[in-house]
Amino acid sequence: MNSTEEELAPVTVIRTPIDLPYTYSAGHAQSRFLAGLAHGKFLGQRCPVCSKVTVPPRGACPTCGVPTTDEVECANTGTITTFCVVNINFTGQQIQVPYVCAQVLLDGSNQSFMALVQECDAADVRMGMRVEALWNDPETWTPSFNNIRYFRPTGEPDAAYDTFAEYL
């Protein structure tokens, strides 16, 4: 290999120290949501115009754009609206592949969020599957999504497609 070929060889790995400090300001709506998680509750907000419940809340309805203040406690159970089976390993990975990331629509909510699904084979996960949150030990709870280990199947019959179709 001559010096020109060495100069054009692709770089496959680079190691460098990287620091990305940031400060997150949750605001009122998300602060209430995070405080709810610290007590084992999913708190959302209902729109005064369309009555849709947003979890986690944003302080305004994503459909109508109006402020939301009516707090609603949602269930610990929900429906998988869509999902992805992850089959690729990465550095520092703590979960064995394959595993499932899913959009979970909590009962009583009108907006899904991403969550890990476990306690079943990835091949068995499906749209409409009923799931429940498995929480970590209450003594470890903080105002964080990390309080939830993952969602797992409830064993209930799947939800009918028309009950979650608009949330895909």
Protein backbone atom coordinates (compact mmCIF):
# COMPACT_ATOMS: atom_id res chain seq x y z
CA MET A 1 0.00 0.00 0.00
CA ASN A 2 1.49 3.35 -0.95
CA SER A 3 1.01 6.61 0.97
CA THR A 4 -1.86 7.76 -1.29
CA GLU A 5 -3.86 4.57 -0.59
CA GLU A 6 -3.25 4.95 3.16
CA GLU A 7 -4.51 8.51 3.06
CA LEU A 8 -7.73 7.43 1.29
CA ALA A 9 -8.44 4.40 3.45
CA PRO A 10 -11.81 4.71 5.23
CA VAL A 11 -11.80 5.58 8.92
CA THR A 12 -13.66 2.82 10.73
CA VAL A 13 -13.16 3.81 14.38
CA ILE A 14 -12.30 7.00 16.20
CA ARG A 15 -12.03 7.45 19.94
CA THR A 16 -12.44 10.90 21.37
CA PRO A 17 -13.74 12.34 24.62
CA ILE A 18 -17.15 13.90 24.07
CA ASP A 19 -19.08 15.86 26.65
CA LEU A 20 -22.56 17.15 25.98
CA PRO A 21 -23.86 18.78 29.16
CA TYR A 22 -27.37 20.20 28.99
CA THR A 23 -30.09 21.42 31.29
CA TYR A 24 -33.65 20.28 30.66
CA SER A 25 -36.44 22.56 31.78
CA ALA A 26 -39.56 20.42 32.07
CA GLY A 27 -42.09 23.23 32.46
CA HIS A 28 -45.30 22.96 34.46
CA ALA A 29 -47.10 20.20 32.49
CA GLN A 30 -44.12 17.85 32.24
CA SER A 31 -43.14 18.59 35.86
CA ARG A 32 -46.57 17.34 36.98
CA PHE A 33 -46.17 14.28 34.75
CA LEU A 34 -42.72 13.50 36.18
CA ALA A 35 -44.01 14.03 39.73
CA GLY A 36 -46.76 11.51 38.92
CA LEU A 37 -44.16 8.98 37.77
CA ALA A 38 -42.38 9.47 41.10
CA HIS A 39 -45.61 8.20 42.71
CA GLY A 40 -46.30 5.38 40.23
CA LYS A 41 -48.93 7.25 38.22
CA PHE A 42 -49.32 8.25 34.58
CA LEU A 43 -50.70 11.80 34.55
CA GLY A 44 -51.95 13.44 31.39
CA GLN A 45 -53.91 16.56 30.50
CA ARG A 46 -57.30 16.82 28.78
CA CYS A 47 -57.98 19.37 26.05
CA PRO A 48 -60.93 21.66 26.89
CA VAL A 49 -61.90 21.77 23.20
CA CYS A 50 -61.58 18.22 21.79
CA SER A 51 -61.38 16.33 25.14
CA LYS A 52 -58.32 14.32 24.01
CA VAL A 53 -55.88 13.32 26.75
CA THR A 54 -52.17 13.78 26.09
CA VAL A 55 -49.62 11.62 27.95
CA PRO A 56 -47.03 12.86 28.59
CA PRO A 57 -48.64 16.30 28.60
CA ARG A 58 -47.11 19.25 26.76
CA GLY A 59 -49.17 22.06 28.27
CA ALA A 60 -51.12 22.50 25.04
CA CYS A 61 -53.29 20.21 22.95
CA PRO A 62 -51.32 18.92 19.95
CA THR A 63 -54.54 18.92 17.89
CA CYS A 64 -56.21 22.20 18.89
CA GLY A 65 -53.21 24.19 20.14
CA VAL A 66 -55.08 25.45 23.20
CA PRO A 67 -53.66 25.34 26.75
CA THR A 68 -54.45 22.20 28.74
CA THR A 69 -54.79 22.27 32.51
CA ASP A 70 -57.32 19.53 33.37
CA GLU A 71 -55.18 16.75 34.85
CA VAL A 72 -56.18 13.13 34.19
CA GLU A 73 -54.73 9.96 35.70
CA CYS A 74 -54.43 7.25 33.07
CA ALA A 75 -54.32 3.50 33.54
CA ASN A 76 -51.24 1.35 33.99
CA THR A 77 -52.42 -0.66 30.98
CA GLY A 78 -52.54 0.10 27.29
CA THR A 79 -52.38 -1.10 23.71
CA ILE A 80 -49.42 -1.48 21.37
CA THR A 81 -50.23 0.65 18.32
CA THR A 82 -47.05 -0.10 16.39
CA PHE A 83 -43.62 -1.53 17.17
CA CYS A 84 -40.12 -2.31 15.97
CA VAL A 85 -38.09 -5.46 16.60
CA VAL A 86 -34.46 -4.50 17.20
CA ASN A 87 -31.97 -7.07 15.93
CA ILE A 88 -28.76 -5.01 15.88
CA ASN A 89 -26.20 -5.04 18.67
CA PHE A 90 -24.46 -1.82 19.67
CA THR A 91 -21.67 -0.81 22.04
CA GLY A 92 -22.78 -0.76 25.67
CA GLN A 93 -26.00 -2.62 24.95
CA GLN A 94 -27.70 -4.00 28.05
CA ILE A 95 -30.64 -5.81 26.45
CA GLN A 96 -30.17 -8.97 24.44
CA VAL A 97 -31.43 -8.86 20.84
CA PRO A 98 -34.00 -9.29 19.58
CA TYR A 99 -36.03 -6.88 21.69
CA VAL A 100 -39.08 -4.72 21.03
CA CYS A 101 -39.63 -0.96 21.16
CA ALA A 102 -43.32 -0.14 20.85
CA GLN A 103 -45.67 2.79 20.81
CA VAL A 104 -47.99 2.24 23.79
CA LEU A 105 -51.36 3.97 23.98
CA LEU A 106 -52.39 3.99 27.64
CA ASP A 107 -56.03 3.35 28.45
CA GLY A 108 -57.63 6.78 28.85
CA SER A 109 -55.05 8.53 26.66
CA ASN A 110 -55.10 9.78 23.09
CA GLN A 111 -51.35 9.87 22.47
CA SER A 112 -48.92 6.96 22.48
CA PHE A 113 -45.33 6.99 23.68
CA MET A 114 -42.33 4.74 23.08
CA ALA A 115 -41.62 1.96 25.56
CA LEU A 116 -39.73 -1.30 25.83
CA VAL A 117 -41.80 -4.53 25.68
CA GLN A 118 -40.48 -7.66 27.37
CA GLU A 119 -41.58 -10.94 28.98
CA CYS A 120 -42.57 -12.35 25.60
CA ASP A 121 -40.81 -13.41 22.41
CA ALA A 122 -40.28 -10.54 19.99
CA ALA A 123 -42.02 -12.62 17.31
CA ASP A 124 -45.19 -12.71 19.45
CA VAL A 125 -45.58 -8.93 19.74
CA ARG A 126 -48.32 -7.50 17.56
CA MET A 127 -50.37 -4.38 16.97
CA GLY A 128 -53.34 -4.36 19.33
CA MET A 129 -51.53 -6.40 22.01
CA ARG A 130 -52.64 -5.40 25.50
CA VAL A 131 -49.77 -4.53 27.84
CA GLU A 132 -49.15 -3.26 31.37
CA ALA A 133 -46.31 -1.28 32.90
CA LEU A 134 -43.90 -3.13 35.16
CA TRP A 135 -42.53 -0.59 37.60
CA ASN A 136 -39.21 -0.71 39.41
CA ASP A 137 -39.10 -0.97 43.21
CA PRO A 138 -40.94 2.09 44.66
CA GLU A 139 -37.96 2.89 46.91
CA THR A 140 -35.97 3.70 43.76
CA TRP A 141 -38.58 5.97 42.17
CA THR A 142 -37.58 9.44 41.07
CA PRO A 143 -39.36 11.86 38.71
CA SER A 144 -38.28 9.85 35.65
CA PHE A 145 -39.45 7.41 32.98
CA ASN A 146 -36.73 5.12 34.40
CA ASN A 147 -39.24 4.12 37.10
CA ILE A 148 -40.82 1.86 34.48
CA ARG A 149 -38.76 -1.24 33.67
CA TYR A 150 -40.82 -2.09 30.62
CA PHE A 151 -44.30 -3.08 29.47
CA ARG A 152 -45.39 -6.71 29.36
CA PRO A 153 -48.38 -8.57 27.90
CA THR A 154 -51.48 -8.70 30.10
CA GLY A 155 -52.90 -11.85 28.50
CA GLU A 156 -56.11 -9.99 27.61
CA PRO A 157 -57.52 -10.34 24.09
CA ASP A 158 -56.03 -7.94 21.57
CA ALA A 159 -57.71 -4.56 21.14
CA ALA A 160 -59.80 -4.16 18.00
CA TYR A 161 -57.94 -2.33 15.24
CA ASP A 162 -60.48 0.51 15.07
CA THR A 163 -59.78 1.40 18.74
CA PHE A 164 -56.18 2.42 17.96
CA ALA A 165 -56.08 2.97 14.17
CA GLU A 166 -56.02 6.76 14.45
CA TYR A 167 -52.90 6.59 16.65
CA LEU A 168 -50.64 4.85 14.11
